[in-house]
Amino acid sequence: MAKRVQAVEEKVGLIAQAQAEYEAIVEEVRGFCQKAQELRKQADELRRSGSIDPQVAKEVKQLLEQAEFFDQLADKKDGHPRLEAIRRLEELQREASGLRETVQHNKSVLARQKQDLDEVKEEAAAMIRRAEERIRETEQLLVFQMAKLEELEG
């Protein structure tokens, strides 16, 4: 049973680790999205300035390209690794749940076995008491019969 408890504790640790990995991915994706949003905002502000300077147009284009790059990073991170982390987390949670059920079942079985043991101990003690009583009665009967025999012989 201690091994089962240890296995459950290990699974709980793995779940916590998977959740931390997932949260790290989510935070990274949020960071990429926020950076892309900030770059688009800067590009919009430059466009609204009304400047017709080619350098401003070039800077707007670069800002939008950078925003697109961060969107692509977010999409890439948000896809496969995140799904893998979710799958791993769900798998570990299912496994831990199964182990918890097994541990709970084993605890119930152990409690029942302890109760059975206590009942058997009580029955055994009662049997011993009855056997000892029969021995005392037989010894008393034997003493009585020996006394009677001596009386008859004597």
N, C-alpha and C. Protein backbone atom coordinates (compact mmCIF):
# COMPACT_ATOMS: atom_id res chain seq x y z
N MET A 1 0.82 -1.18 0.00
CA MET A 1 0.00 0.00 0.00
C MET A 1 0.87 1.25 0.00
N ALA A 2 2.00 1.19 0.71
CA ALA A 2 2.91 2.34 0.74
C ALA A 2 3.41 2.64 -0.67
N LYS A 3 3.62 1.60 -1.46
CA LYS A 3 4.07 1.81 -2.84
C LYS A 3 3.00 2.54 -3.64
N ARG A 4 1.74 2.18 -3.41
CA ARG A 4 0.63 2.83 -4.12
C ARG A 4 0.56 4.31 -3.73
N VAL A 5 0.71 4.56 -2.43
CA VAL A 5 0.66 5.95 -1.96
C VAL A 5 1.81 6.73 -2.58
N GLN A 6 2.98 6.11 -2.63
CA GLN A 6 4.14 6.78 -3.24
C GLN A 6 3.87 7.03 -4.72
N ALA A 7 3.26 6.06 -5.40
CA ALA A 7 2.95 6.24 -6.82
C ALA A 7 1.98 7.39 -7.02
N VAL A 8 0.98 7.49 -6.15
CA VAL A 8 0.02 8.59 -6.25
C VAL A 8 0.74 9.92 -6.03
N GLU A 9 1.62 9.96 -5.02
CA GLU A 9 2.36 11.19 -4.74
C GLU A 9 3.24 11.57 -5.93
N GLU A 10 3.85 10.57 -6.57
CA GLU A 10 4.67 10.86 -7.75
C GLU A 10 3.80 11.41 -8.88
N LYS A 11 2.62 10.83 -9.05
CA LYS A 11 1.70 11.31 -10.11
C LYS A 11 1.26 12.74 -9.81
N VAL A 12 0.99 13.01 -8.55
CA VAL A 12 0.59 14.37 -8.17
C VAL A 12 1.72 15.34 -8.51
N GLY A 13 2.97 14.92 -8.25
CA GLY A 13 4.12 15.76 -8.59
C GLY A 13 4.23 15.97 -10.09
N LEU A 14 4.00 14.91 -10.87
CA LEU A 14 4.05 15.03 -12.33
C LEU A 14 2.93 15.93 -12.84
N ILE A 15 1.76 15.84 -12.22
CA ILE A 15 0.65 16.71 -12.61
C ILE A 15 1.02 18.16 -12.35
N ALA A 16 1.58 18.42 -11.19
CA ALA A 16 1.99 19.79 -10.86
C ALA A 16 3.03 20.28 -11.85
N GLN A 17 3.97 19.41 -12.21
CA GLN A 17 5.00 19.79 -13.18
C GLN A 17 4.38 20.08 -14.54
N ALA A 18 3.45 19.22 -14.98
CA ALA A 18 2.79 19.42 -16.27
C ALA A 18 1.97 20.72 -16.26
N GLN A 19 1.31 21.00 -15.14
CA GLN A 19 0.54 22.24 -15.04
C GLN A 19 1.48 23.44 -15.11
N ALA A 20 2.63 23.34 -14.46
CA ALA A 20 3.59 24.44 -14.50
C ALA A 20 4.11 24.65 -15.93
N GLU A 21 4.39 23.55 -16.63
CA GLU A 21 4.84 23.66 -18.02
C GLU A 21 3.76 24.30 -18.88
N TYR A 22 2.53 23.89 -18.67
CA TYR A 22 1.41 24.45 -19.43
C TYR A 22 1.28 25.94 -19.15
N GLU A 23 1.34 26.31 -17.89
CA GLU A 23 1.24 27.73 -17.52
C GLU A 23 2.39 28.54 -18.14
N ALA A 24 3.57 27.96 -18.17
CA ALA A 24 4.71 28.65 -18.78
C ALA A 24 4.46 28.89 -20.27
N ILE A 25 3.90 27.89 -20.95
CA ILE A 25 3.59 28.04 -22.38
C ILE A 25 2.53 29.12 -22.57
N VAL A 26 1.49 29.09 -21.72
CA VAL A 26 0.42 30.09 -21.82
C VAL A 26 1.00 31.49 -21.61
N GLU A 27 1.87 31.64 -20.62
CA GLU A 27 2.48 32.95 -20.35
C GLU A 27 3.34 33.39 -21.53
N GLU A 28 4.07 32.46 -22.11
CA GLU A 28 4.90 32.80 -23.26
C GLU A 28 4.03 33.25 -24.44
N VAL A 29 2.93 32.53 -24.67
CA VAL A 29 2.01 32.89 -25.76
C VAL A 29 1.40 34.27 -25.49
N ARG A 30 1.01 34.51 -24.24
CA ARG A 30 0.47 35.83 -23.88
C ARG A 30 1.49 36.93 -24.15
N GLY A 31 2.74 36.65 -23.81
CA GLY A 31 3.81 37.63 -24.05
C GLY A 31 3.95 37.94 -25.53
N PHE A 32 3.94 36.89 -26.38
CA PHE A 32 4.04 37.09 -27.82
C PHE A 32 2.86 37.90 -28.34
N CYS A 33 1.66 37.56 -27.88
CA CYS A 33 0.45 38.27 -28.32
C CYS A 33 0.48 39.73 -27.87
N GLN A 34 0.92 39.95 -26.65
CA GLN A 34 1.01 41.32 -26.14
C GLN A 34 2.02 42.12 -26.94
N LYS A 35 3.16 41.51 -27.24
CA LYS A 35 4.19 42.21 -28.02
C LYS A 35 3.65 42.56 -29.42
N ALA A 36 2.95 41.61 -30.05
CA ALA A 36 2.37 41.85 -31.37
C ALA A 36 1.34 42.98 -31.29
N GLN A 37 0.54 43.00 -30.24
CA GLN A 37 -0.47 44.03 -30.06
C GLN A 37 0.20 45.41 -29.89
N GLU A 38 1.25 45.45 -29.10
CA GLU A 38 1.97 46.71 -28.90
C GLU A 38 2.57 47.22 -30.20
N LEU A 39 3.14 46.32 -31.00
CA LEU A 39 3.74 46.71 -32.27
C LEU A 39 2.68 47.24 -33.23
N ARG A 40 1.50 46.61 -33.28
CA ARG A 40 0.42 47.08 -34.14
C ARG A 40 -0.07 48.45 -33.68
N LYS A 41 -0.12 48.62 -32.35
CA LYS A 41 -0.54 49.92 -31.82
C LYS A 41 0.44 51.01 -32.24
N GLN A 42 1.73 50.72 -32.16
CA GLN A 42 2.74 51.69 -32.58
C GLN A 42 2.59 52.00 -34.07
N ALA A 43 2.34 50.96 -34.87
CA ALA A 43 2.17 51.16 -36.31
C ALA A 43 0.95 52.03 -36.58
N ASP A 44 -0.14 51.77 -35.86
CA ASP A 44 -1.36 52.58 -36.02
C ASP A 44 -1.11 54.04 -35.64
N GLU A 45 -0.38 54.25 -34.56
CA GLU A 45 -0.07 55.62 -34.13
C GLU A 45 0.76 56.35 -35.18
N LEU A 46 1.71 55.63 -35.78
CA LEU A 46 2.53 56.24 -36.83
C LEU A 46 1.67 56.57 -38.05
N ARG A 47 0.75 55.67 -38.41
CA ARG A 47 -0.13 55.91 -39.56
C ARG A 47 -1.03 57.12 -39.30
N ARG A 48 -1.55 57.19 -38.08
CA ARG A 48 -2.46 58.29 -37.73
C ARG A 48 -1.73 59.64 -37.66
N SER A 49 -0.44 59.58 -37.53
CA SER A 49 0.30 60.85 -37.46
C SER A 49 0.16 61.63 -38.77
N GLY A 50 -0.19 60.92 -39.84
CA GLY A 50 -0.43 61.59 -41.12
C GLY A 50 0.85 61.89 -41.88
N SER A 51 1.96 61.43 -41.39
CA SER A 51 3.24 61.69 -42.05
C SER A 51 3.30 60.93 -43.37
N ILE A 52 3.85 61.58 -44.39
CA ILE A 52 4.02 60.94 -45.70
C ILE A 52 5.49 60.61 -45.94
N ASP A 53 6.28 60.73 -44.90
CA ASP A 53 7.70 60.44 -44.98
C ASP A 53 7.89 58.95 -45.29
N PRO A 54 8.70 58.60 -46.32
CA PRO A 54 8.94 57.19 -46.66
C PRO A 54 9.55 56.41 -45.48
N GLN A 55 10.33 57.08 -44.67
CA GLN A 55 10.94 56.42 -43.52
C GLN A 55 9.85 55.96 -42.54
N VAL A 56 8.80 56.78 -42.36
CA VAL A 56 7.69 56.42 -41.46
C VAL A 56 6.95 55.22 -42.03
N ALA A 57 6.71 55.24 -43.35
CA ALA A 57 6.03 54.11 -44.00
C ALA A 57 6.85 52.83 -43.82
N LYS A 58 8.19 52.95 -43.97
CA LYS A 58 9.08 51.80 -43.80
C LYS A 58 9.01 51.29 -42.36
N GLU A 59 8.99 52.20 -41.41
CA GLU A 59 8.93 51.83 -39.99
C GLU A 59 7.59 51.14 -39.68
N VAL A 60 6.49 51.65 -40.26
CA VAL A 60 5.17 51.03 -40.06
C VAL A 60 5.21 49.61 -40.59
N LYS A 61 5.79 49.44 -41.79
CA LYS A 61 5.88 48.12 -42.41
C LYS A 61 6.69 47.17 -41.52
N GLN A 62 7.83 47.65 -40.99
CA GLN A 62 8.66 46.82 -40.11
C GLN A 62 7.91 46.44 -38.83
N LEU A 63 7.21 47.42 -38.28
CA LEU A 63 6.44 47.13 -37.05
C LEU A 63 5.38 46.06 -37.31
N LEU A 64 4.69 46.16 -38.45
CA LEU A 64 3.66 45.17 -38.77
C LEU A 64 4.28 43.80 -39.06
N GLU A 65 5.46 43.79 -39.69
CA GLU A 65 6.15 42.52 -39.94
C GLU A 65 6.57 41.87 -38.61
N GLN A 66 7.07 42.70 -37.69
CA GLN A 66 7.45 42.18 -36.38
C GLN A 66 6.21 41.65 -35.63
N ALA A 67 5.12 42.38 -35.74
CA ALA A 67 3.87 41.94 -35.10
C ALA A 67 3.44 40.58 -35.67
N GLU A 68 3.54 40.45 -36.98
CA GLU A 68 3.20 39.19 -37.64
C GLU A 68 4.12 38.06 -37.15
N PHE A 69 5.40 38.38 -37.02
CA PHE A 69 6.37 37.40 -36.52
C PHE A 69 5.97 36.91 -35.11
N PHE A 70 5.60 37.85 -34.23
CA PHE A 70 5.19 37.46 -32.88
C PHE A 70 3.88 36.68 -32.89
N ASP A 71 2.98 37.03 -33.82
CA ASP A 71 1.75 36.24 -33.96
C ASP A 71 2.07 34.81 -34.38
N GLN A 72 3.01 34.68 -35.31
CA GLN A 72 3.40 33.34 -35.75
C GLN A 72 4.04 32.54 -34.61
N LEU A 73 4.89 33.21 -33.82
CA LEU A 73 5.49 32.54 -32.65
C LEU A 73 4.41 32.08 -31.68
N ALA A 74 3.43 32.95 -31.45
CA ALA A 74 2.34 32.61 -30.54
C ALA A 74 1.55 31.42 -31.08
N ASP A 75 1.25 31.45 -32.40
CA ASP A 75 0.52 30.33 -33.00
C ASP A 75 1.31 29.04 -32.89
N LYS A 76 2.60 29.13 -33.16
CA LYS A 76 3.45 27.95 -33.10
C LYS A 76 3.49 27.40 -31.67
N LYS A 77 3.69 28.27 -30.69
CA LYS A 77 3.75 27.84 -29.29
C LYS A 77 2.40 27.37 -28.80
N ASP A 78 1.36 28.03 -29.26
CA ASP A 78 0.01 27.73 -28.79
C ASP A 78 -0.49 26.41 -29.35
N GLY A 79 0.12 25.94 -30.39
CA GLY A 79 -0.34 24.72 -31.04
C GLY A 79 0.17 23.47 -30.37
N HIS A 80 1.12 22.85 -30.98
CA HIS A 80 1.60 21.52 -30.60
C HIS A 80 2.07 21.41 -29.15
N PRO A 81 3.01 22.23 -28.70
CA PRO A 81 3.48 22.05 -27.32
C PRO A 81 2.36 22.21 -26.29
N ARG A 82 1.47 23.15 -26.55
CA ARG A 82 0.39 23.37 -25.61
C ARG A 82 -0.56 22.17 -25.59
N LEU A 83 -0.89 21.67 -26.76
CA LEU A 83 -1.76 20.51 -26.84
C LEU A 83 -1.11 19.29 -26.19
N GLU A 84 0.19 19.13 -26.41
CA GLU A 84 0.92 18.02 -25.78
C GLU A 84 0.88 18.16 -24.26
N ALA A 85 1.08 19.38 -23.79
CA ALA A 85 1.06 19.61 -22.34
C ALA A 85 -0.34 19.30 -21.78
N ILE A 86 -1.37 19.70 -22.50
CA ILE A 86 -2.73 19.42 -22.05
C ILE A 86 -2.99 17.92 -22.05
N ARG A 87 -2.59 17.24 -23.13
CA ARG A 87 -2.78 15.79 -23.20
C ARG A 87 -2.04 15.07 -22.07
N ARG A 88 -0.81 15.51 -21.84
CA ARG A 88 0.00 14.90 -20.78
C ARG A 88 -0.65 15.15 -19.41
N LEU A 89 -1.12 16.36 -19.20
CA LEU A 89 -1.78 16.71 -17.94
C LEU A 89 -3.03 15.86 -17.74
N GLU A 90 -3.85 15.74 -18.78
CA GLU A 90 -5.08 14.94 -18.67
C GLU A 90 -4.76 13.47 -18.41
N GLU A 91 -3.74 12.96 -19.10
CA GLU A 91 -3.34 11.56 -18.91
C GLU A 91 -2.88 11.32 -17.47
N LEU A 92 -2.08 12.23 -16.97
CA LEU A 92 -1.59 12.10 -15.59
C LEU A 92 -2.74 12.22 -14.60
N GLN A 93 -3.68 13.11 -14.87
CA GLN A 93 -4.82 13.25 -13.97
C GLN A 93 -5.67 11.99 -13.96
N ARG A 94 -5.88 11.39 -15.14
CA ARG A 94 -6.64 10.13 -15.20
C ARG A 94 -5.92 9.03 -14.43
N GLU A 95 -4.62 8.94 -14.65
CA GLU A 95 -3.84 7.92 -13.96
C GLU A 95 -3.84 8.13 -12.45
N ALA A 96 -3.68 9.37 -12.03
CA ALA A 96 -3.70 9.67 -10.59
C ALA A 96 -5.08 9.37 -10.01
N SER A 97 -6.12 9.67 -10.76
CA SER A 97 -7.48 9.38 -10.29
C SER A 97 -7.66 7.88 -10.11
N GLY A 98 -7.18 7.11 -11.08
CA GLY A 98 -7.26 5.65 -10.97
C GLY A 98 -6.49 5.14 -9.76
N LEU A 99 -5.32 5.71 -9.53
CA LEU A 99 -4.53 5.30 -8.38
C LEU A 99 -5.21 5.70 -7.07
N ARG A 100 -5.83 6.87 -7.05
CA ARG A 100 -6.56 7.28 -5.84
C ARG A 100 -7.68 6.30 -5.54
N GLU A 101 -8.41 5.89 -6.60
CA GLU A 101 -9.49 4.92 -6.41
C GLU A 101 -8.94 3.60 -5.90
N THR A 102 -7.81 3.17 -6.45
CA THR A 102 -7.19 1.92 -5.99
C THR A 102 -6.76 2.03 -4.54
N VAL A 103 -6.15 3.15 -4.18
CA VAL A 103 -5.72 3.36 -2.79
C VAL A 103 -6.95 3.36 -1.88
N GLN A 104 -8.01 4.04 -2.28
CA GLN A 104 -9.23 4.08 -1.47
C GLN A 104 -9.80 2.67 -1.31
N HIS A 105 -9.83 1.90 -2.40
CA HIS A 105 -10.32 0.53 -2.34
C HIS A 105 -9.46 -0.30 -1.39
N ASN A 106 -8.15 -0.17 -1.51
CA ASN A 106 -7.24 -0.93 -0.65
C ASN A 106 -7.40 -0.53 0.82
N LYS A 107 -7.66 0.75 1.08
CA LYS A 107 -7.91 1.18 2.46
C LYS A 107 -9.17 0.51 3.00
N SER A 108 -10.21 0.44 2.17
CA SER A 108 -11.46 -0.20 2.58
C SER A 108 -11.23 -1.68 2.86
N VAL A 109 -10.50 -2.34 1.96
CA VAL A 109 -10.20 -3.76 2.15
C VAL A 109 -9.41 -3.95 3.44
N LEU A 110 -8.42 -3.11 3.67
CA LEU A 110 -7.61 -3.21 4.88
C LEU A 110 -8.46 -3.02 6.13
N ALA A 111 -9.36 -2.06 6.12
CA ALA A 111 -10.23 -1.82 7.27
C ALA A 111 -11.11 -3.05 7.52
N ARG A 112 -11.65 -3.63 6.43
CA ARG A 112 -12.48 -4.83 6.56
C ARG A 112 -11.66 -5.98 7.11
N GLN A 113 -10.43 -6.15 6.62
CA GLN A 113 -9.58 -7.23 7.10
C GLN A 113 -9.23 -7.05 8.57
N LYS A 114 -8.99 -5.81 8.99
CA LYS A 114 -8.70 -5.55 10.41
C LYS A 114 -9.91 -5.90 11.26
N GLN A 115 -11.09 -5.53 10.78
CA GLN A 115 -12.32 -5.85 11.51
C GLN A 115 -12.49 -7.36 11.59
N ASP A 116 -12.28 -8.06 10.47
CA ASP A 116 -12.37 -9.52 10.48
C ASP A 116 -11.37 -10.12 11.45
N LEU A 117 -10.16 -9.59 11.45
CA LEU A 117 -9.12 -10.08 12.36
C LEU A 117 -9.55 -9.90 13.82
N ASP A 118 -10.09 -8.72 14.14
CA ASP A 118 -10.55 -8.48 15.50
C ASP A 118 -11.65 -9.47 15.89
N GLU A 119 -12.59 -9.72 14.96
CA GLU A 119 -13.66 -10.67 15.24
C GLU A 119 -13.11 -12.07 15.45
N VAL A 120 -12.17 -12.49 14.61
CA VAL A 120 -11.57 -13.82 14.73
C VAL A 120 -10.80 -13.92 16.04
N LYS A 121 -10.10 -12.84 16.42
CA LYS A 121 -9.38 -12.84 17.70
C LYS A 121 -10.36 -13.02 18.86
N GLU A 122 -11.50 -12.32 18.79
CA GLU A 122 -12.51 -12.46 19.85
C GLU A 122 -13.04 -13.88 19.89
N GLU A 123 -13.34 -14.46 18.72
CA GLU A 123 -13.83 -15.84 18.67
C GLU A 123 -12.79 -16.80 19.23
N ALA A 124 -11.53 -16.60 18.86
CA ALA A 124 -10.46 -17.47 19.35
C ALA A 124 -10.33 -17.34 20.86
N ALA A 125 -10.40 -16.11 21.36
CA ALA A 125 -10.31 -15.91 22.81
C ALA A 125 -11.47 -16.60 23.51
N ALA A 126 -12.67 -16.52 22.93
CA ALA A 126 -13.84 -17.19 23.51
C ALA A 126 -13.66 -18.70 23.49
N MET A 127 -13.14 -19.22 22.40
CA MET A 127 -12.89 -20.66 22.30
C MET A 127 -11.87 -21.10 23.36
N ILE A 128 -10.84 -20.30 23.55
CA ILE A 128 -9.82 -20.62 24.56
C ILE A 128 -10.45 -20.61 25.94
N ARG A 129 -11.28 -19.60 26.22
CA ARG A 129 -11.94 -19.53 27.53
C ARG A 129 -12.83 -20.76 27.75
N ARG A 130 -13.58 -21.14 26.72
CA ARG A 130 -14.46 -22.32 26.84
C ARG A 130 -13.63 -23.59 27.06
N ALA A 131 -12.54 -23.70 26.31
CA ALA A 131 -11.68 -24.89 26.47
C ALA A 131 -11.07 -24.94 27.86
N GLU A 132 -10.61 -23.80 28.37
CA GLU A 132 -10.04 -23.75 29.71
C GLU A 132 -11.10 -24.09 30.75
N GLU A 133 -12.34 -23.63 30.55
CA GLU A 133 -13.43 -23.95 31.46
C GLU A 133 -13.72 -25.44 31.45
N ARG A 134 -13.74 -26.04 30.27
CA ARG A 134 -13.97 -27.50 30.17
C ARG A 134 -12.86 -28.26 30.88
N ILE A 135 -11.62 -27.76 30.71
CA ILE A 135 -10.49 -28.42 31.40
C ILE A 135 -10.68 -28.32 32.91
N ARG A 136 -11.04 -27.16 33.43
CA ARG A 136 -11.27 -27.00 34.87
C ARG A 136 -12.40 -27.92 35.35
N GLU A 137 -13.48 -27.96 34.55
CA GLU A 137 -14.59 -28.84 34.93
C GLU A 137 -14.15 -30.31 34.93
N THR A 138 -13.38 -30.68 33.91
CA THR A 138 -12.89 -32.07 33.84
C THR A 138 -11.95 -32.36 35.00
N GLU A 139 -11.09 -31.40 35.33
CA GLU A 139 -10.18 -31.58 36.47
C GLU A 139 -10.97 -31.73 37.76
N GLN A 140 -12.01 -30.90 37.95
CA GLN A 140 -12.84 -30.99 39.16
C GLN A 140 -13.57 -32.33 39.21
N LEU A 141 -14.09 -32.76 38.05
CA LEU A 141 -14.76 -34.04 37.97
C LEU A 141 -13.79 -35.16 38.31
N LEU A 142 -12.59 -35.06 37.79
CA LEU A 142 -11.56 -36.07 38.05
C LEU A 142 -11.20 -36.10 39.54
N VAL A 143 -11.06 -34.94 40.15
CA VAL A 143 -10.76 -34.86 41.59
C VAL A 143 -11.91 -35.49 42.38
N PHE A 144 -13.15 -35.18 42.02
CA PHE A 144 -14.31 -35.73 42.69
C PHE A 144 -14.35 -37.24 42.54
N GLN A 145 -14.11 -37.72 41.29
CA GLN A 145 -14.15 -39.16 41.04
C GLN A 145 -13.01 -39.89 41.77
N MET A 146 -11.83 -39.27 41.84
CA MET A 146 -10.71 -39.89 42.55
C MET A 146 -11.02 -39.98 44.05
N ALA A 147 -11.65 -38.93 44.57
CA ALA A 147 -12.02 -38.92 45.99
C ALA A 147 -13.05 -40.02 46.26
N LYS A 148 -14.00 -40.16 45.37
CA LYS A 148 -15.03 -41.18 45.51
C LYS A 148 -14.40 -42.56 45.42
N LEU A 149 -13.45 -42.73 44.48
CA LEU A 149 -12.77 -44.01 44.31
C LEU A 149 -11.99 -44.35 45.58
N GLU A 150 -11.33 -43.41 46.15
CA GLU A 150 -10.57 -43.64 47.37
C GLU A 150 -11.52 -44.02 48.51
N GLU A 151 -12.67 -43.37 48.53
CA GLU A 151 -13.64 -43.65 49.55
C GLU A 151 -14.16 -45.08 49.45
N LEU A 152 -14.39 -45.51 48.19
CA LEU A 152 -14.90 -46.85 47.95
C LEU A 152 -13.81 -47.91 48.20
N GLU A 153 -12.61 -47.59 47.90
CA GLU A 153 -11.52 -48.55 48.09
C GLU A 153 -11.09 -48.58 49.55
N GLY A 154 -11.25 -47.54 50.22
CA GLY A 154 -10.66 -47.39 51.51
C GLY A 154 -11.40 -47.81 52.67
